PDB file of all heavy atoms in Angstrom:
ATOM      1  N   ALA A   1       0.839  -1.221   0.017  1.00  0.00           N
ATOM      2  CA  ALA A   1       0.013   0.010  -0.014  1.00  0.00           C
ATOM      3  C   ALA A   1       0.847   1.243  -0.002  1.00  0.00           C
ATOM      4  O   ALA A   1       0.460   2.274  -0.525  1.00  0.00           O
ATOM      5  CB  ALA A   1      -0.945  -0.004   1.166  1.00  0.00           C
ATOM      6  N   LYS A   2       2.055   1.180   0.584  1.00  0.00           N
ATOM      7  CA  LYS A   2       2.954   2.332   0.685  1.00  0.00           C
ATOM      8  C   LYS A   2       4.132   2.194  -0.267  1.00  0.00           C
ATOM      9  O   LYS A   2       5.067   3.012  -0.225  1.00  0.00           O
ATOM     10  CB  LYS A   2       3.396   2.524   2.065  1.00  0.00           C
ATOM     11  CG  LYS A   2       2.309   2.857   3.072  1.00  0.00           C
ATOM     12  CD  LYS A   2       2.809   3.051   4.503  1.00  0.00           C
ATOM     13  CE  LYS A   2       1.710   3.431   5.454  1.00  0.00           C
ATOM     14  NZ  LYS A   2       2.216   3.593   6.838  1.00  0.00           N
ATOM     15  N   ASN A   3       4.128   1.136  -1.066  1.00  0.00           N
ATOM     16  CA  ASN A   3       5.261   0.875  -2.023  1.00  0.00           C
ATOM     17  C   ASN A   3       6.621   0.826  -1.324  1.00  0.00           C
ATOM     18  O   ASN A   3       7.577   1.350  -1.797  1.00  0.00           O
ATOM     19  CB  ASN A   3       5.255   1.923  -3.123  1.00  0.00           C
ATOM     20  CG  ASN A   3       3.979   1.918  -3.933  1.00  0.00           C
ATOM     21  OD1 ASN A   3       3.388   0.905  -4.241  1.00  0.00           O
ATOM     22  ND2 ASN A   3       3.530   3.147  -4.301  1.00  0.00           N
ATOM     23  N   ARG A   4       6.638   0.107  -0.190  1.00  0.00           N
ATOM     24  CA  ARG A   4       7.846   0.054   0.619  1.00  0.00           C
ATOM     25  C   ARG A   4       8.261  -1.359   0.877  1.00  0.00           C
ATOM     26  O   ARG A   4       7.489  -2.323   0.910  1.00  0.00           O
ATOM     27  CB  ARG A   4       7.622   0.741   2.010  1.00  0.00           C
ATOM     28  CG  ARG A   4       7.509   2.238   1.897  1.00  0.00           C
ATOM     29  CD  ARG A   4       7.454   2.899   3.240  1.00  0.00           C
ATOM     30  NE  ARG A   4       7.501   4.310   3.206  1.00  0.00           N
ATOM     31  CZ  ARG A   4       8.625   5.061   3.175  1.00  0.00           C
ATOM     32  NH1 ARG A   4       9.809   4.473   3.262  1.00  0.00           N
ATOM     33  NH2 ARG A   4       8.573   6.340   3.086  1.00  0.00           N
ATOM     34  N   ALA A   5       9.606  -1.543   1.032  1.00  0.00           N
ATOM     35  CA  ALA A   5      10.208  -2.762   1.516  1.00  0.00           C
ATOM     36  C   ALA A   5      10.953  -2.425   2.756  1.00  0.00           C
ATOM     37  O   ALA A   5      11.785  -1.507   2.758  1.00  0.00           O
ATOM     38  CB  ALA A   5      11.127  -3.379   0.462  1.00  0.00           C
ATOM     39  N   ASN A   6      10.732  -3.163   3.817  1.00  0.00           N
ATOM     40  CA  ASN A   6      11.382  -2.906   5.109  1.00  0.00           C
ATOM     41  C   ASN A   6      12.312  -4.025   5.484  1.00  0.00           C
ATOM     42  O   ASN A   6      12.162  -5.195   5.067  1.00  0.00           O
ATOM     43  CB  ASN A   6      10.287  -2.737   6.202  1.00  0.00           C
ATOM     44  CG  ASN A   6       9.382  -1.563   5.900  1.00  0.00           C
ATOM     45  OD1 ASN A   6       9.848  -0.513   5.461  1.00  0.00           O
ATOM     46  ND2 ASN A   6       8.098  -1.751   6.214  1.00  0.00           N
ATOM     47  N   LEU A   7      13.269  -3.681   6.308  1.00  0.00           N
ATOM     48  CA  LEU A   7      14.201  -4.656   6.863  1.00  0.00           C
ATOM     49  C   LEU A   7      14.261  -4.395   8.371  1.00  0.00           C
ATOM     50  O   LEU A   7      14.875  -3.378   8.808  1.00  0.00           O
ATOM     51  CB  LEU A   7      15.590  -4.554   6.218  1.00  0.00           C
ATOM     52  CG  LEU A   7      16.572  -5.628   6.661  1.00  0.00           C
ATOM     53  CD1 LEU A   7      16.201  -7.005   6.176  1.00  0.00           C
ATOM     54  CD2 LEU A   7      17.976  -5.267   6.190  1.00  0.00           C
ATOM     55  N   GLN A   8      13.738  -5.296   9.151  1.00  0.00           N
ATOM     56  CA  GLN A   8      13.816  -5.220  10.617  1.00  0.00           C
ATOM     57  C   GLN A   8      15.056  -5.967  11.035  1.00  0.00           C
ATOM     58  O   GLN A   8      15.165  -7.156  10.775  1.00  0.00           O
ATOM     59  CB  GLN A   8      12.565  -5.820  11.229  1.00  0.00           C
ATOM     60  CG  GLN A   8      12.606  -5.847  12.782  1.00  0.00           C
ATOM     61  CD  GLN A   8      12.596  -4.467  13.396  1.00  0.00           C
ATOM     62  OE1 GLN A   8      11.791  -3.636  13.057  1.00  0.00           O
ATOM     63  NE2 GLN A   8      13.578  -4.263  14.328  1.00  0.00           N
ATOM     64  N   MET A   9      15.945  -5.244  11.720  1.00  0.00           N
ATOM     65  CA  MET A   9      17.239  -5.801  12.132  1.00  0.00           C
ATOM     66  C   MET A   9      17.288  -5.865  13.662  1.00  0.00           C
ATOM     67  O   MET A   9      17.171  -4.861  14.329  1.00  0.00           O
ATOM     68  CB  MET A   9      18.396  -5.029  11.573  1.00  0.00           C
ATOM     69  CG  MET A   9      18.407  -4.882  10.058  1.00  0.00           C
ATOM     70  SD  MET A   9      19.807  -3.967   9.438  1.00  0.00           S
ATOM     71  CE  MET A   9      19.524  -2.352  10.123  1.00  0.00           C
ATOM     72  N   ASN A  10      17.400  -7.066  14.197  1.00  0.00           N
ATOM     73  CA  ASN A  10      17.516  -7.260  15.614  1.00  0.00           C
ATOM     74  C   ASN A  10      18.845  -7.876  15.987  1.00  0.00           C
ATOM     75  O   ASN A  10      19.506  -8.464  15.145  1.00  0.00           O
ATOM     76  CB  ASN A  10      16.371  -8.145  16.123  1.00  0.00           C
ATOM     77  CG  ASN A  10      14.989  -7.561  15.843  1.00  0.00           C
ATOM     78  OD1 ASN A  10      14.798  -6.370  16.017  1.00  0.00           O
ATOM     79  ND2 ASN A  10      14.027  -8.422  15.513  1.00  0.00           N
ATOM     80  N   SER A  11      19.141  -7.794  17.263  1.00  0.00           N
ATOM     81  CA  SER A  11      20.394  -8.374  17.784  1.00  0.00           C
ATOM     82  C   SER A  11      21.630  -8.008  16.932  1.00  0.00           C
ATOM     83  O   SER A  11      22.427  -8.828  16.555  1.00  0.00           O
ATOM     84  CB  SER A  11      20.279  -9.940  17.889  1.00  0.00           C
ATOM     85  OG  SER A  11      19.201 -10.291  18.699  1.00  0.00           O
ATOM     86  N   LEU A  12      21.747  -6.739  16.671  1.00  0.00           N
ATOM     87  CA  LEU A  12      22.785  -6.277  15.750  1.00  0.00           C
ATOM     88  C   LEU A  12      24.158  -6.500  16.296  1.00  0.00           C
ATOM     89  O   LEU A  12      24.404  -6.376  17.511  1.00  0.00           O
ATOM     90  CB  LEU A  12      22.576  -4.788  15.414  1.00  0.00           C
ATOM     91  CG  LEU A  12      21.433  -4.523  14.412  1.00  0.00           C
ATOM     92  CD1 LEU A  12      20.962  -3.088  14.489  1.00  0.00           C
ATOM     93  CD2 LEU A  12      21.916  -4.865  13.023  1.00  0.00           C
ATOM     94  N   LYS A  13      25.083  -6.800  15.415  1.00  0.00           N
ATOM     95  CA  LYS A  13      26.507  -7.077  15.736  1.00  0.00           C
ATOM     96  C   LYS A  13      27.347  -6.088  15.010  1.00  0.00           C
ATOM     97  O   LYS A  13      27.017  -5.546  13.962  1.00  0.00           O
ATOM     98  CB  LYS A  13      26.895  -8.497  15.317  1.00  0.00           C
ATOM     99  CG  LYS A  13      25.971  -9.601  15.830  1.00  0.00           C
ATOM    100  CD  LYS A  13      26.357 -10.944  15.268  1.00  0.00           C
ATOM    101  CE  LYS A  13      25.459 -12.065  15.739  1.00  0.00           C
ATOM    102  NZ  LYS A  13      25.825 -13.358  15.160  1.00  0.00           N
ATOM    103  N   PRO A  14      28.596  -5.831  15.539  1.00  0.00           N
ATOM    104  CA  PRO A  14      29.528  -4.912  14.839  1.00  0.00           C
ATOM    105  C   PRO A  14      29.719  -5.283  13.406  1.00  0.00           C
ATOM    106  O   PRO A  14      29.910  -4.435  12.555  1.00  0.00           O
ATOM    107  CB  PRO A  14      30.742  -5.013  15.718  1.00  0.00           C
ATOM    108  CG  PRO A  14      30.287  -5.322  17.070  1.00  0.00           C
ATOM    109  CD  PRO A  14      29.097  -6.251  16.886  1.00  0.00           C
ATOM    110  N   GLU A  15      29.774  -6.639  13.092  1.00  0.00           N
ATOM    111  CA  GLU A  15      30.001  -7.066  11.758  1.00  0.00           C
ATOM    112  C   GLU A  15      28.826  -6.770  10.806  1.00  0.00           C
ATOM    113  O   GLU A  15      28.922  -6.986   9.601  1.00  0.00           O
ATOM    114  CB  GLU A  15      30.360  -8.547  11.669  1.00  0.00           C
ATOM    115  CG  GLU A  15      29.380  -9.435  12.473  1.00  0.00           C
ATOM    116  CD  GLU A  15      29.845  -9.783  13.879  1.00  0.00           C
ATOM    117  OE1 GLU A  15      30.304  -8.833  14.589  1.00  0.00           O
ATOM    118  OE2 GLU A  15      29.773 -10.972  14.247  1.00  0.00           O
ATOM    119  N   ASP A  16      27.683  -6.271  11.343  1.00  0.00           N
ATOM    120  CA  ASP A  16      26.588  -5.852  10.489  1.00  0.00           C
ATOM    121  C   ASP A  16      26.819  -4.424   9.914  1.00  0.00           C
ATOM    122  O   ASP A  16      26.062  -3.987   9.110  1.00  0.00           O
ATOM    123  CB  ASP A  16      25.265  -5.848  11.268  1.00  0.00           C
ATOM    124  CG  ASP A  16      24.867  -7.307  11.638  1.00  0.00           C
ATOM    125  OD1 ASP A  16      24.998  -8.191  10.850  1.00  0.00           O
ATOM    126  OD2 ASP A  16      24.359  -7.446  12.801  1.00  0.00           O
ATOM    127  N   THR A  17      27.851  -3.753  10.420  1.00  0.00           N
ATOM    128  CA  THR A  17      28.166  -2.405   9.952  1.00  0.00           C
ATOM    129  C   THR A  17      28.431  -2.419   8.453  1.00  0.00           C
ATOM    130  O   THR A  17      29.295  -3.145   7.962  1.00  0.00           O
ATOM    131  CB  THR A  17      29.337  -1.868  10.682  1.00  0.00           C
ATOM    132  OG1 THR A  17      29.043  -1.695  12.045  1.00  0.00           O
ATOM    133  CG2 THR A  17      29.755  -0.474  10.132  1.00  0.00           C
ATOM    134  N   ALA A  18      27.664  -1.617   7.710  1.00  0.00           N
ATOM    135  CA  ALA A  18      27.770  -1.630   6.277  1.00  0.00           C
ATOM    136  C   ALA A  18      26.846  -0.547   5.731  1.00  0.00           C
ATOM    137  O   ALA A  18      26.015   0.015   6.398  1.00  0.00           O
ATOM    138  CB  ALA A  18      27.428  -2.993   5.638  1.00  0.00           C
ATOM    139  N   VAL A  19      27.048  -0.244   4.420  1.00  0.00           N
ATOM    140  CA  VAL A  19      26.085   0.521   3.684  1.00  0.00           C
ATOM    141  C   VAL A  19      25.057  -0.452   3.160  1.00  0.00           C
ATOM    142  O   VAL A  19      25.415  -1.416   2.446  1.00  0.00           O
ATOM    143  CB  VAL A  19      26.739   1.338   2.527  1.00  0.00           C
ATOM    144  CG1 VAL A  19      25.631   2.063   1.725  1.00  0.00           C
ATOM    145  CG2 VAL A  19      27.734   2.353   3.076  1.00  0.00           C
ATOM    146  N   TYR A  20      23.794  -0.211   3.454  1.00  0.00           N
ATOM    147  CA  TYR A  20      22.728  -1.096   3.042  1.00  0.00           C
ATOM    148  C   TYR A  20      22.005  -0.510   1.842  1.00  0.00           C
ATOM    149  O   TYR A  20      21.631   0.655   1.860  1.00  0.00           O
ATOM    150  CB  TYR A  20      21.734  -1.315   4.211  1.00  0.00           C
ATOM    151  CG  TYR A  20      22.245  -2.281   5.245  1.00  0.00           C
ATOM    152  CD1 TYR A  20      23.284  -1.882   6.103  1.00  0.00           C
ATOM    153  CD2 TYR A  20      21.736  -3.541   5.363  1.00  0.00           C
ATOM    154  CE1 TYR A  20      23.789  -2.761   7.031  1.00  0.00           C
ATOM    155  CE2 TYR A  20      22.197  -4.428   6.316  1.00  0.00           C
ATOM    156  CZ  TYR A  20      23.212  -4.061   7.164  1.00  0.00           C
ATOM    157  OH  TYR A  20      23.739  -4.895   8.089  1.00  0.00           O
ATOM    158  N   TYR A  21      21.860  -1.309   0.770  1.00  0.00           N
ATOM    159  CA  TYR A  21      21.251  -0.887  -0.479  1.00  0.00           C
ATOM    160  C   TYR A  21      19.940  -1.580  -0.731  1.00  0.00           C
ATOM    161  O   TYR A  21      19.815  -2.826  -0.590  1.00  0.00           O
ATOM    162  CB  TYR A  21      22.173  -1.196  -1.647  1.00  0.00           C
ATOM    163  CG  TYR A  21      23.507  -0.414  -1.625  1.00  0.00           C
ATOM    164  CD1 TYR A  21      24.606  -0.942  -0.970  1.00  0.00           C
ATOM    165  CD2 TYR A  21      23.589   0.844  -2.166  1.00  0.00           C
ATOM    166  CE1 TYR A  21      25.803  -0.288  -0.958  1.00  0.00           C
ATOM    167  CE2 TYR A  21      24.783   1.565  -2.137  1.00  0.00           C
ATOM    168  CZ  TYR A  21      25.894   0.984  -1.523  1.00  0.00           C
ATOM    169  OH  TYR A  21      27.083   1.670  -1.512  1.00  0.00           O
ATOM    170  N   CYS A  22      18.951  -0.829  -1.113  1.00  0.00           N
ATOM    171  CA  CYS A  22      17.635  -1.344  -1.514  1.00  0.00           C
ATOM    172  C   CYS A  22      17.685  -1.808  -2.977  1.00  0.00           C
ATOM    173  O   CYS A  22      18.309  -1.130  -3.805  1.00  0.00           O
ATOM    174  CB  CYS A  22      16.570  -0.296  -1.306  1.00  0.00           C
ATOM    175  SG  CYS A  22      14.889  -0.770  -1.822  1.00  0.00           S
ATOM    176  N   ASN A  23      17.058  -2.902  -3.274  1.00  0.00           N
ATOM    177  CA  ASN A  23      17.024  -3.419  -4.645  1.00  0.00           C
ATOM    178  C   ASN A  23      15.585  -3.758  -5.018  1.00  0.00           C
ATOM    179  O   ASN A  23      14.767  -4.162  -4.232  1.00  0.00           O
ATOM    180  CB  ASN A  23      17.879  -4.701  -4.768  1.00  0.00           C
ATOM    181  CG  ASN A  23      17.690  -5.445  -6.049  1.00  0.00           C
ATOM    182  OD1 ASN A  23      16.920  -6.407  -6.127  1.00  0.00           O
ATOM    183  ND2 ASN A  23      18.367  -5.008  -7.086  1.00  0.00           N
ATOM    184  N   ALA A  24      15.284  -3.554  -6.337  1.00  0.00           N
ATOM    185  CA  ALA A  24      14.034  -4.013  -6.908  1.00  0.00           C
ATOM    186  C   ALA A  24      14.344  -4.664  -8.243  1.00  0.00           C
ATOM    187  O   ALA A  24      15.094  -4.135  -9.070  1.00  0.00           O
ATOM    188  CB  ALA A  24      13.060  -2.821  -7.132  1.00  0.00           C
ATOM    189  N   PHE A  25      13.766  -5.864  -8.461  1.00  0.00           N
ATOM    190  CA  PHE A  25      13.958  -6.597  -9.703  1.00  0.00           C
ATOM    191  C   PHE A  25      12.584  -6.638 -10.386  1.00  0.00           C
ATOM    192  O   PHE A  25      11.577  -6.855  -9.769  1.00  0.00           O
ATOM    193  CB  PHE A  25      14.387  -8.009  -9.396  1.00  0.00           C
ATOM    194  CG  PHE A  25      14.841  -8.790 -10.604  1.00  0.00           C
ATOM    195  CD1 PHE A  25      16.036  -8.463 -11.252  1.00  0.00           C
ATOM    196  CD2 PHE A  25      14.019  -9.768 -11.132  1.00  0.00           C
ATOM    197  CE1 PHE A  25      16.427  -9.177 -12.352  1.00  0.00           C
ATOM    198  CE2 PHE A  25      14.459 -10.498 -12.257  1.00  0.00           C
ATOM    199  CZ  PHE A  25      15.624 -10.169 -12.874  1.00  0.00           C
ATOM    200  N   THR A  26      12.586  -6.358 -11.718  1.00  0.00           N
ATOM    201  CA  THR A  26      11.362  -6.190 -12.460  1.00  0.00           C
ATOM    202  C   THR A  26      11.118  -7.341 -13.416  1.00  0.00           C
ATOM    203  O   THR A  26      11.967  -8.145 -13.731  1.00  0.00           O
ATOM    204  CB  THR A  26      11.357  -4.874 -13.211  1.00  0.00           C
ATOM    205  OG1 THR A  26      12.533  -4.833 -14.079  1.00  0.00           O
ATOM    206  CG2 THR A  26      11.401  -3.706 -12.268  1.00  0.00           C
ATOM    207  N   VAL A  27       9.868  -7.410 -13.941  1.00  0.00           N
ATOM    208  CA  VAL A  27       9.431  -8.486 -14.813  1.00  0.00           C
ATOM    209  C   VAL A  27      10.205  -8.538 -16.118  1.00  0.00           C
ATOM    210  O   VAL A  27      10.344  -9.612 -16.719  1.00  0.00           O
ATOM    211  CB  VAL A  27       7.894  -8.354 -15.080  1.00  0.00           C
ATOM    212  CG1 VAL A  27       7.627  -7.138 -15.948  1.00  0.00           C
ATOM    213  CG2 VAL A  27       7.334  -9.662 -15.708  1.00  0.00           C
ATOM    214  N   ASP A  28      10.799  -7.400 -16.494  1.00  0.00           N
ATOM    215  CA  ASP A  28      11.612  -7.399 -17.746  1.00  0.00           C
ATOM    216  C   ASP A  28      13.096  -7.541 -17.424  1.00  0.00           C
ATOM    217  O   ASP A  28      13.967  -7.182 -18.178  1.00  0.00           O
ATOM    218  CB  ASP A  28      11.405  -6.087 -18.511  1.00  0.00           C
ATOM    219  CG  ASP A  28      11.610  -4.844 -17.700  1.00  0.00           C
ATOM    220  OD1 ASP A  28      11.633  -4.940 -16.459  1.00  0.00           O
ATOM    221  OD2 ASP A  28      11.720  -3.752 -18.285  1.00  0.00           O
TER     222      ASP A  28
END
């Protein structure tokens, strides 16, 4: 409904440190 994709991250660790990129793959 809001055209969104979410990522809930729990129990985070130092090794999770990064730049996080959103991706969308299309029918074509």
